[in-house]
C-alpha atoms as a PDB file:
ATOM      1  CA  MET A   1      20.735   8.519  -9.029  1.00  0.00           C
ATOM      2  CA  ALA A   2      24.243   7.901  -7.837  1.00  0.00           C
ATOM      3  CA  LYS A   3      25.196   4.812  -5.842  1.00  0.00           C
ATOM      4  CA  ASN A   4      27.322   6.645  -3.291  1.00  0.00           C
ATOM      5  CA  TYR A   5      27.150  10.107  -1.837  1.00  0.00           C
ATOM      6  CA  ALA A   6      29.929  12.032  -0.090  1.00  0.00           C
ATOM      7  CA  PHE A   7      29.609  15.255   1.852  1.00  0.00           C
ATOM      8  CA  ILE A   8      32.603  17.508   2.494  1.00  0.00           C
ATOM      9  CA  GLY A   9      32.970  20.928   4.040  1.00  0.00           C
ATOM     10  CA  LEU A  10      34.852  23.067   6.560  1.00  0.00           C
ATOM     11  CA  PHE A  11      34.340  22.443  10.302  1.00  0.00           C
ATOM     12  CA  GLY A  12      31.056  23.891  11.308  1.00  0.00           C
ATOM     13  CA  SER A  13      29.463  23.559   7.844  1.00  0.00           C
ATOM     14  CA  GLY A  14      26.897  21.177   9.159  1.00  0.00           C
ATOM     15  CA  LYS A  15      27.758  18.422   6.736  1.00  0.00           C
ATOM     16  CA  THR A  16      27.057  15.705   9.318  1.00  0.00           C
ATOM     17  CA  GLU A  17      23.448  16.858   9.657  1.00  0.00           C
ATOM     18  CA  VAL A  18      23.112  16.972   5.881  1.00  0.00           C
ATOM     19  CA  ALA A  19      24.623  13.596   5.488  1.00  0.00           C
ATOM     20  CA  ILE A  20      22.344  12.036   8.029  1.00  0.00           C
ATOM     21  CA  ASN A  21      19.226  13.553   6.599  1.00  0.00           C
ATOM     22  CA  TRP A  22      20.187  12.606   3.109  1.00  0.00           C
ATOM     23  CA  ALA A  23      20.733   8.960   4.142  1.00  0.00           C
ATOM     24  CA  LEU A  24      17.283   9.002   5.708  1.00  0.00           C
ATOM     25  CA  LYS A  25      15.759  10.485   2.509  1.00  0.00           C
ATOM     26  CA  LEU A  26      17.416   7.612   0.523  1.00  0.00           C
ATOM     27  CA  LYS A  27      15.898   5.165   3.060  1.00  0.00           C
ATOM     28  CA  GLU A  28      12.409   6.285   1.949  1.00  0.00           C
ATOM     29  CA  ASP A  29      13.043   4.797  -1.497  1.00  0.00           C
ATOM     30  CA  TYR A  30      15.704   2.136  -0.957  1.00  0.00           C
ATOM     31  CA  ASN A  31      15.775  -0.807   1.478  1.00  0.00           C
ATOM     32  CA  LYS A  32      19.528  -0.948   2.055  1.00  0.00           C
ATOM     33  CA  VAL A  33      21.166   2.337   3.021  1.00  0.00           C
ATOM     34  CA  ALA A  34      24.504   2.675   4.962  1.00  0.00           C
ATOM     35  CA  ILE A  35      26.036   5.855   6.359  1.00  0.00           C
ATOM     36  CA  ILE A  36      29.781   5.962   6.911  1.00  0.00           C
ATOM     37  CA  ASP A  37      31.295   8.114   9.654  1.00  0.00           C
ATOM     38  CA  GLY A  38      34.394   9.221   7.816  1.00  0.00           C
ATOM     39  CA  ASP A  39      35.257  11.999  10.256  1.00  0.00           C
ATOM     40  CA  ILE A  40      38.804  11.204  11.406  1.00  0.00           C
ATOM     41  CA  ILE A  41      39.542  14.703  12.747  1.00  0.00           C
ATOM     42  CA  SER A  42      36.861  16.065  15.043  1.00  0.00           C
ATOM     43  CA  PRO A  43      35.645  14.287  18.195  1.00  0.00           C
ATOM     44  CA  TYR A  44      32.480  16.468  18.064  1.00  0.00           C
ATOM     45  CA  PHE A  45      29.358  16.151  15.891  1.00  0.00           C
ATOM     46  CA  ARG A  46      30.047  12.789  14.403  1.00  0.00           C
ATOM     47  CA  THR A  47      27.514  10.389  13.002  1.00  0.00           C
ATOM     48  CA  ARG A  48      28.540   7.740  15.481  1.00  0.00           C
ATOM     49  CA  ASP A  49      27.174   9.900  18.317  1.00  0.00           C
ATOM     50  CA  VAL A  50      23.611   9.129  17.182  1.00  0.00           C
ATOM     51  CA  ALA A  51      24.333   5.657  15.611  1.00  0.00           C
ATOM     52  CA  GLU A  52      21.781   3.770  17.725  1.00  0.00           C
ATOM     53  CA  GLU A  53      19.059   6.167  16.830  1.00  0.00           C
ATOM     54  CA  LEU A  54      19.868   5.970  13.159  1.00  0.00           C
ATOM     55  CA  GLU A  55      19.929   2.139  13.317  1.00  0.00           C
ATOM     56  CA  GLN A  56      16.466   2.192  14.844  1.00  0.00           C
ATOM     57  CA  MET A  57      15.395   4.262  11.768  1.00  0.00           C
ATOM     58  CA  GLY A  58      16.665   1.552   9.459  1.00  0.00           C
ATOM     59  CA  LEU A  59      20.178   2.795   8.557  1.00  0.00           C
ATOM     60  CA  VAL A  60      23.340   0.731   8.678  1.00  0.00           C
ATOM     61  CA  THR A  61      25.973   2.820  10.525  1.00  0.00           C
ATOM     62  CA  VAL A  62      29.612   2.254   9.821  1.00  0.00           C
ATOM     63  CA  TYR A  63      32.295   3.482  12.204  1.00  0.00           C
ATOM     64  CA  PRO A  64      34.971   1.865  14.487  1.00  0.00           C
ATOM     65  CA  LYS A  65      33.179  -0.086  17.071  1.00  0.00           C
ATOM     66  CA  GLY A  66      34.014  -1.090  20.615  1.00  0.00           C
ATOM     67  CA  ALA A  67      36.874   0.706  22.376  1.00  0.00           C
ATOM     68  CA  LEU A  68      37.771   2.661  19.261  1.00  0.00           C
ATOM     69  CA  ARG A  69      34.280   4.278  18.996  1.00  0.00           C
ATOM     70  CA  ASN A  70      35.352   7.543  20.776  1.00  0.00           C
ATOM     71  CA  ALA A  71      39.035   7.391  19.746  1.00  0.00           C
ATOM     72  CA  ASP A  72      40.339  10.586  18.183  1.00  0.00           C
ATOM     73  CA  LEU A  73      42.366   8.633  15.641  1.00  0.00           C
ATOM     74  CA  PRO A  74      42.627   8.448  11.851  1.00  0.00           C
ATOM     75  CA  ILE A  75      40.717   5.234  11.494  1.00  0.00           C
ATOM     76  CA  ILE A  76      38.552   4.213   8.685  1.00  0.00           C
ATOM     77  CA  THR A  77      36.904   0.824   9.129  1.00  0.00           C
ATOM     78  CA  GLY A  78      37.320  -1.719   6.423  1.00  0.00           C
ATOM     79  CA  GLY A  79      33.575  -2.174   6.380  1.00  0.00           C
ATOM     80  CA  ALA A  80      33.379   1.304   4.755  1.00  0.00           C
ATOM     81  CA  ILE A  81      34.930  -0.064   1.573  1.00  0.00           C
ATOM     82  CA  GLY A  82      32.622  -2.993   1.568  1.00  0.00           C
ATOM     83  CA  TYR A  83      29.510  -0.860   1.652  1.00  0.00           C
ATOM     84  CA  LEU A  84      30.873   1.642  -0.932  1.00  0.00           C
ATOM     85  CA  SER A  85      31.519  -1.347  -3.253  1.00  0.00           C
ATOM     86  CA  ASN A  86      28.327  -3.302  -2.530  1.00  0.00           C
ATOM     87  CA  PRO A  87      25.897  -2.635  -5.350  1.00  0.00           C
ATOM     88  CA  GLU A  88      22.925  -3.503  -3.130  1.00  0.00           C
ATOM     89  CA  TYR A  89      23.584  -0.538  -0.926  1.00  0.00           C
ATOM     90  CA  LYS A  90      23.083   3.188  -1.277  1.00  0.00           C
ATOM     91  CA  THR A  91      25.946   4.543   0.780  1.00  0.00           C
ATOM     92  CA  VAL A  92      26.504   7.989   2.323  1.00  0.00           C
ATOM     93  CA  ILE A  93      29.885   9.100   3.637  1.00  0.00           C
ATOM     94  CA  ASP A  94      30.266  12.016   6.049  1.00  0.00           C
ATOM     95  CA  VAL A  95      33.842  13.288   5.502  1.00  0.00           C
ATOM     96  CA  GLY A  96      35.761  15.142   8.189  1.00  0.00           C
ATOM     97  CA  GLY A  97      36.328  18.864   7.724  1.00  0.00           C
ATOM     98  CA  GLU A  98      39.553  20.767   6.861  1.00  0.00           C
ATOM     99  CA  GLU A  99      42.362  19.535   4.782  1.00  0.00           C
ATOM    100  CA  ASN A 100      43.445  16.716   7.011  1.00  0.00           C
ATOM    101  CA  GLY A 101      39.994  15.255   7.216  1.00  0.00           C
ATOM    102  CA  VAL A 102      39.084  15.298   3.544  1.00  0.00           C
ATOM    103  CA  VAL A 103      42.038  13.024   2.644  1.00  0.00           C
ATOM    104  CA  VAL A 104      39.609  10.244   3.609  1.00  0.00           C
ATOM    105  CA  LEU A 105      38.105  10.690   0.181  1.00  0.00           C
ATOM    106  CA  GLY A 106      41.581  10.072  -1.296  1.00  0.00           C
ATOM    107  CA  TYR A 107      41.841   6.817   0.642  1.00  0.00           C
ATOM    108  CA  VAL A 108      38.487   5.490  -0.607  1.00  0.00           C
ATOM    109  CA  LYS A 109      38.536   7.022  -4.050  1.00  0.00           C
ATOM    110  CA  PRO A 110      39.178   3.666  -5.819  1.00  0.00           C
ATOM    111  CA  TYR A 111      36.032   2.418  -4.269  1.00  0.00           C
ATOM    112  CA  LEU A 112      33.719   5.444  -4.779  1.00  0.00           C
ATOM    113  CA  GLY A 113      32.481   4.311  -8.205  1.00  0.00           C
ATOM    114  CA  ASP A 114      29.273   6.081  -9.246  1.00  0.00           C
ATOM    115  CA  ALA A 115      29.542   8.793  -6.514  1.00  0.00           C
ATOM    116  CA  GLU A 116      28.083  12.232  -6.128  1.00  0.00           C
ATOM    117  CA  ILE A 117      30.256  14.576  -4.070  1.00  0.00           C
ATOM    118  CA  SER A 118      28.859  17.751  -2.533  1.00  0.00           C
ATOM    119  CA  MET A 119      30.475  20.565  -0.595  1.00  0.00           C
ATOM    120  CA  VAL A 120      28.343  21.916   2.229  1.00  0.00           C
ATOM    121  CA  VAL A 121      28.722  25.605   2.961  1.00  0.00           C
ATOM    122  CA  ASN A 122      27.761  27.610   5.979  1.00  0.00           C
ATOM    123  CA  ILE A 123      28.287  31.344   5.539  1.00  0.00           C
ATOM    124  CA  ALA A 124      27.855  31.827   9.272  1.00  0.00           C
ATOM    125  CA  ARG A 125      31.357  30.306   9.816  1.00  0.00           C
ATOM    126  CA  PRO A 126      34.441  32.631   9.616  1.00  0.00           C
ATOM    127  CA  PHE A 127      36.332  31.000   6.752  1.00  0.00           C
ATOM    128  CA  SER A 128      33.282  30.553   4.459  1.00  0.00           C
ATOM    129  CA  ALA A 129      31.518  33.834   5.037  1.00  0.00           C
ATOM    130  CA  THR A 130      32.602  35.335   1.730  1.00  0.00           C
ATOM    131  CA  VAL A 131      32.703  34.413  -1.914  1.00  0.00           C
ATOM    132  CA  ASP A 132      36.553  34.447  -1.924  1.00  0.00           C
ATOM    133  CA  GLY A 133      36.673  32.449   1.317  1.00  0.00           C
ATOM    134  CA  ILE A 134      34.346  29.772  -0.062  1.00  0.00           C
ATOM    135  CA  ILE A 135      36.268  29.459  -3.351  1.00  0.00           C
ATOM    136  CA  LYS A 136      39.546  29.133  -1.449  1.00  0.00           C
ATOM    137  CA  ALA A 137      38.204  26.337   0.710  1.00  0.00           C
ATOM    138  CA  TYR A 138      36.645  24.720  -2.359  1.00  0.00           C
ATOM    139  CA  GLU A 139      40.071  24.685  -4.149  1.00  0.00           C
ATOM    140  CA  GLN A 140      41.921  23.375  -1.117  1.00  0.00           C
ATOM    141  CA  LEU A 141      39.482  20.590  -0.349  1.00  0.00           C
ATOM    142  CA  ARG A 142      39.214  19.526  -3.981  1.00  0.00           C
ATOM    143  CA  ARG A 143      42.942  19.455  -4.389  1.00  0.00           C
ATOM    144  CA  ILE A 144      43.529  17.452  -1.236  1.00  0.00           C
ATOM    145  CA  ALA A 145      40.797  14.951  -1.914  1.00  0.00           C
ATOM    146  CA  ARG A 146      41.666  14.677  -5.571  1.00  0.00           C
ATOM    147  CA  VAL A 147      38.037  14.373  -6.572  1.00  0.00           C
ATOM    148  CA  LYS A 148      35.582  16.439  -8.627  1.00  0.00           C
ATOM    149  CA  VAL A 149      32.983  18.311  -6.588  1.00  0.00           C
ATOM    150  CA  ASP A 150      29.603  17.809  -8.241  1.00  0.00           C
ATOM    151  CA  TYR A 151      27.467  20.201  -6.207  1.00  0.00           C
ATOM    152  CA  LEU A 152      27.409  23.005  -3.657  1.00  0.00           C
ATOM    153  CA  ILE A 153      24.922  22.961  -0.783  1.00  0.00           C
ATOM    154  CA  ASN A 154      23.677  26.032   1.035  1.00  0.00           C
ATOM    155  CA  ASN A 155      23.501  25.267   4.715  1.00  0.00           C
ATOM    156  CA  ALA A 156      23.694  28.816   6.150  1.00  0.00           C
ATOM    157  CA  ASN A 157      22.765  28.282   9.736  1.00  0.00           C
ATOM    158  CA  LEU A 158      23.175  29.274  13.452  1.00  0.00           C
ATOM    159  CA  SER A 159      21.672  26.057  14.768  1.00  0.00           C
ATOM    160  CA  TYR A 160      18.336  26.843  16.364  1.00  0.00           C
ATOM    161  CA  GLU A 161      18.916  30.579  15.911  1.00  0.00           C
ATOM    162  CA  THR A 162      18.746  30.195  12.081  1.00  0.00           C
ATOM    163  CA  THR A 163      16.537  32.662  10.288  1.00  0.00           C
ATOM    164  CA  PRO A 164      15.163  32.822   6.757  1.00  0.00           C
ATOM    165  CA  GLU A 165      17.156  35.967   6.278  1.00  0.00           C
ATOM    166  CA  LEU A 166      20.438  34.127   6.939  1.00  0.00           C
ATOM    167  CA  ILE A 167      19.421  31.316   4.558  1.00  0.00           C
ATOM    168  CA  LEU A 168      18.638  33.802   1.886  1.00  0.00           C
ATOM    169  CA  LYS A 169      21.916  35.452   2.420  1.00  0.00           C
ATOM    170  CA  GLY A 170      23.596  32.077   1.985  1.00  0.00           C
ATOM    171  CA  GLU A 171      21.784  31.596  -1.260  1.00  0.00           C
ATOM    172  CA  GLU A 172      23.003  34.971  -2.530  1.00  0.00           C
ATOM    173  CA  VAL A 173      26.637  34.288  -1.667  1.00  0.00           C
ATOM    174  CA  LEU A 174      26.564  30.722  -2.979  1.00  0.00           C
ATOM    175  CA  ALA A 175      24.955  31.706  -6.265  1.00  0.00           C
ATOM    176  CA  LYS A 176      27.960  33.965  -6.952  1.00  0.00           C
ATOM    177  CA  VAL A 177      30.417  31.186  -5.977  1.00  0.00           C
ATOM    178  CA  SER A 178      28.485  28.822  -8.307  1.00  0.00           C
ATOM    179  CA  GLU A 179      28.772  31.200 -11.221  1.00  0.00           C
ATOM    180  CA  ILE A 180      32.461  31.638 -10.774  1.00  0.00           C
ATOM    181  CA  ILE A 181      33.556  28.009 -10.240  1.00  0.00           C
ATOM    182  CA  GLU A 182      30.790  26.544 -12.488  1.00  0.00           C
ATOM    183  CA  VAL A 183      29.539  24.077  -9.930  1.00  0.00           C
ATOM    184  CA  PRO A 184      25.748  24.085  -9.494  1.00  0.00           C
ATOM    185  CA  VAL A 185      23.872  24.419  -6.187  1.00  0.00           C
ATOM    186  CA  LYS A 186      22.082  21.241  -5.300  1.00  0.00           C
ATOM    187  CA  PHE A 187      19.696  22.593  -2.695  1.00  0.00           C
ATOM    188  CA  THR A 188      19.226  24.923   0.204  1.00  0.00           C
ATOM    189  CA  VAL A 189      19.025  23.274   3.651  1.00  0.00           C
ATOM    190  CA  VAL A 190      16.030  24.463   5.713  1.00  0.00           C
ATOM    191  CA  PRO A 191      15.588  23.259   9.297  1.00  0.00           C
ATOM    192  CA  GLU A 192      12.115  21.861  10.098  1.00  0.00           C
ATOM    193  CA  PHE A 193      11.249  24.723  12.369  1.00  0.00           C
ATOM    194  CA  ILE A 194      11.293  27.304   9.643  1.00  0.00           C
ATOM    195  CA  ASP A 195       8.122  27.738   7.627  1.00  0.00           C
ATOM    196  CA  TYR A 196       9.400  30.242   5.101  1.00  0.00           C
ATOM    197  CA  THR A 197       9.344  28.738   1.598  1.00  0.00           C
ATOM    198  CA  ASP A 198      10.285  31.450  -0.950  1.00  0.00           C
ATOM    199  CA  PHE A 199      13.906  30.337  -1.505  1.00  0.00           C
ATOM    200  CA  LYS A 200      15.894  30.540  -4.730  1.00  0.00           C
ATOM    201  CA  PHE A 201      17.045  26.968  -4.770  1.00  0.00           C
ATOM    202  CA  ALA A 202      15.335  23.671  -4.204  1.00  0.00           C
ATOM    203  CA  VAL A 203      14.631  23.222  -0.455  1.00  0.00           C
ATOM    204  CA  PHE A 204      15.894  20.213   1.524  1.00  0.00           C
ATOM    205  CA  LYS A 205      14.131  20.081   4.908  1.00  0.00           C
ATOM    206  CA  ILE A 206      16.189  18.559   7.726  1.00  0.00           C
ATOM    207  CA  ARG A 207      15.685  17.415  11.249  1.00  0.00           C
ATOM    208  CA  ARG A 208      18.590  18.250  13.647  1.00  0.00           C
ATOM    209  CA  PHE A 209      20.237  15.306  15.376  1.00  0.00           C
ATOM    210  CA  MET A 210      23.279  16.916  16.920  1.00  0.00           C
ATOM    211  CA  LYS A 211      22.895  18.578  20.273  1.00  0.00           C
ATOM    212  CA  MET A 212      24.933  21.551  18.975  1.00  0.00           C
ATOM    213  CA  GLU A 213      25.874  22.650  15.534  1.00  0.00           C
ATOM    214  CA  ILE A 214      28.357  25.471  16.120  1.00  0.00           C
END
């Protein structure tokens, strides 16, 4: 397994939920796991919003503390580099959406080392609803971040209104994208309240932490 994991995606892709749940999955097997709030763009749906809860669950949370906690400023704490570089820690970084947010990966690229980078896709969002739209976003984010994307993640969702049909549609669309850009799909995200199991890709069950997703 990789040492570091980065999740990128357009606004509304749900990458924060995926990053949090992936960090918690790592915590099942590794004693030291840190999650970095690398979202310098959106003041909504950030890992720091549930930092105390995550810390109670054993994660180390990394974000600007004190008066800067809620600042809408392009700040990446120096501690982020420390955890990315520390071989004792598995580290997850939740990267802000859109082009201006994903530059964070460019900043920390020298410290990523053995990293796995995944693009989270939600076909229920306007700019990632089609094959062409997803490929355009993929090319833009990859170019700005200057990193190789290792996996795609199907996170088709409408928060608590998500249905198996929507998730299956996401698989269908992402399978086409995967074939064209030759990037494999790592898994399909399925919220814990959905019991349906007959999905095409491996299933990653998640608990929702954010009060709203879209």
